Protein backbone atom coordinates (compact mmCIF):
# COMPACT_ATOMS: atom_id res chain seq x y z
CA MET A 1 -38.62 -34.04 -38.78
CA LYS A 2 -40.78 -37.11 -38.27
CA VAL A 3 -44.48 -36.68 -37.55
CA LYS A 4 -47.40 -39.10 -37.41
CA LEU A 5 -49.90 -38.64 -40.22
CA ALA A 6 -52.62 -38.29 -37.58
CA PHE A 7 -51.17 -34.88 -36.62
CA LEU A 8 -51.44 -33.71 -40.22
CA VAL A 9 -54.72 -35.18 -41.43
CA GLN A 10 -57.09 -32.97 -39.48
CA ASN A 11 -54.78 -30.11 -38.67
CA GLU A 12 -56.68 -26.95 -39.52
CA ALA A 13 -54.34 -24.90 -37.33
CA LEU A 14 -51.57 -25.01 -39.91
CA GLN A 15 -53.91 -23.50 -42.50
CA LYS A 16 -54.88 -20.77 -40.02
CA LEU A 17 -51.22 -20.08 -39.33
CA VAL A 18 -50.36 -19.42 -42.99
CA GLU A 19 -52.90 -16.60 -43.04
CA GLU A 20 -51.18 -14.70 -40.23
CA PRO A 21 -48.54 -12.00 -40.77
CA MET A 22 -45.08 -12.83 -39.43
CA ASP A 23 -41.42 -12.09 -40.07
CA ALA A 24 -39.77 -13.36 -43.26
CA LEU A 25 -37.76 -16.22 -41.72
CA THR A 26 -40.77 -17.58 -39.86
CA SER A 27 -42.93 -17.23 -42.99
CA PHE A 28 -40.33 -19.14 -44.99
CA ARG A 29 -40.17 -21.96 -42.44
CA ILE A 30 -43.96 -22.21 -42.19
CA GLY A 31 -44.22 -22.16 -46.00
CA LYS A 32 -41.73 -25.02 -46.36
CA ALA A 33 -43.59 -27.01 -43.71
CA VAL A 34 -46.92 -26.44 -45.45
CA SER A 35 -45.51 -27.56 -48.81
CA SER A 36 -44.13 -30.73 -47.29
CA VAL A 37 -47.36 -31.42 -45.37
CA GLN A 38 -49.47 -30.92 -48.53
CA SER A 39 -47.38 -33.49 -50.37
CA GLU A 40 -47.89 -36.05 -47.60
CA LEU A 41 -51.62 -35.28 -47.43
CA GLU A 42 -52.01 -35.83 -51.18
CA THR A 43 -50.44 -39.27 -50.81
CA PHE A 44 -52.61 -39.96 -47.76
CA GLU A 45 -55.77 -39.01 -49.65
CA LYS A 46 -54.90 -41.27 -52.59
CA THR A 47 -54.32 -44.13 -50.16
CA ARG A 48 -57.58 -43.43 -48.33
CA GLN A 49 -59.46 -43.41 -51.63
CA SER A 50 -57.98 -46.77 -52.60
CA MET A 51 -59.07 -48.12 -49.21
CA LEU A 52 -62.62 -46.91 -49.91
CA GLU A 53 -62.49 -48.66 -53.28
CA LYS A 54 -61.33 -51.83 -51.54
CA TYR A 55 -63.73 -51.81 -48.57
CA GLY A 56 -66.51 -49.33 -49.37
CA THR A 57 -69.68 -49.30 -51.41
CA LYS A 58 -71.23 -46.74 -53.73
CA MET A 59 -73.16 -43.99 -51.98
CA GLU A 60 -76.91 -44.10 -52.43
CA ASN A 61 -76.85 -40.89 -54.47
CA GLY A 62 -74.06 -42.32 -56.67
CA ASP A 63 -71.58 -39.56 -55.77
CA GLY A 64 -68.61 -41.59 -54.62
CA LEU A 65 -67.84 -44.31 -52.13
CA GLU A 66 -68.51 -44.70 -48.43
CA ILE A 67 -68.08 -47.12 -45.61
CA LYS A 68 -70.29 -47.21 -42.53
CA PRO A 69 -69.90 -48.93 -39.15
CA GLU A 70 -72.56 -51.45 -40.14
CA SER A 71 -70.63 -52.43 -43.31
CA LYS A 72 -69.24 -55.95 -43.37
CA ASN A 73 -65.71 -54.61 -44.05
CA TRP A 74 -65.81 -51.90 -41.38
CA LYS A 75 -63.37 -53.55 -38.95
CA GLU A 76 -60.81 -54.23 -41.67
CA PHE A 77 -61.12 -50.64 -42.90
CA VAL A 78 -60.69 -49.20 -39.40
CA THR A 79 -57.68 -51.41 -38.67
CA GLU A 80 -55.98 -50.42 -41.91
CA TYR A 81 -56.90 -46.74 -41.45
CA GLU A 82 -55.46 -46.67 -37.93
CA GLU A 83 -52.23 -48.19 -39.21
CA LEU A 84 -52.11 -45.53 -41.91
CA VAL A 85 -52.66 -42.49 -39.64
CA ASN A 86 -50.12 -43.82 -37.13
CA GLU A 87 -47.46 -43.97 -39.84
CA GLU A 88 -44.58 -41.58 -39.28
CA VAL A 89 -43.68 -39.39 -42.24
CA GLU A 90 -40.71 -37.14 -42.79
CA ILE A 91 -41.63 -33.47 -43.05
CA ASP A 92 -39.14 -31.00 -44.50
CA ALA A 93 -39.47 -28.39 -41.77
CA LYS A 94 -37.51 -26.60 -39.10
CA LYS A 95 -39.19 -25.83 -35.80
CA VAL A 96 -40.40 -22.29 -35.24
CA LYS A 97 -39.80 -20.52 -31.95
CA ILE A 98 -42.98 -19.60 -30.11
CA SER A 99 -41.55 -16.09 -29.65
CA ALA A 100 -41.65 -15.64 -33.45
CA LEU A 101 -45.42 -16.12 -33.29
CA LYS A 102 -46.12 -13.58 -30.54
CA GLN A 103 -48.32 -11.42 -32.78
CA VAL A 104 -50.28 -14.43 -34.08
CA LYS A 105 -53.68 -14.98 -32.45
CA MET A 106 -54.35 -18.70 -32.02
CA SER A 107 -56.32 -20.79 -29.62
CA PRO A 108 -54.60 -23.15 -27.16
CA LYS A 109 -56.15 -26.03 -29.13
CA ASP A 110 -54.49 -24.82 -32.34
CA LEU A 111 -51.14 -24.35 -30.62
CA LEU A 112 -51.32 -27.86 -29.17
CA SER A 113 -51.99 -29.33 -32.62
CA LEU A 114 -48.90 -27.49 -33.91
CA GLY A 115 -46.66 -28.80 -31.13
CA TRP A 116 -44.61 -30.77 -33.65
CA LEU A 117 -43.67 -27.50 -35.40
CA ILE A 118 -43.23 -25.08 -32.48
CA GLU A 119 -40.49 -24.92 -29.85
CA GLU A 120 -40.01 -22.67 -26.86
């Protein structure tokens, strides 16, 4: 299934979901989705780091790189970052029926962020 990176980058709900007990088939499907998502996130993080190397500066404490809104390269960084998070990636996952998650306690916010993985 195709999903925008933006749905994956800050999706804490998927990590919450893997902690919940569920039937074997649903666990398998969630596990496959998580493995595929982790692979995409590793690639995303490498790309983001290379963008920081390109546009950022060393942090004052010397522990890495940063870029701030007042940086001269901020606009270029933001433009490139937005292009990156709007990229569609292919996730090896089958949708999970909401009924299979009936015993899982999740907030509406979490369920909305998992809309790409859940069907009615």
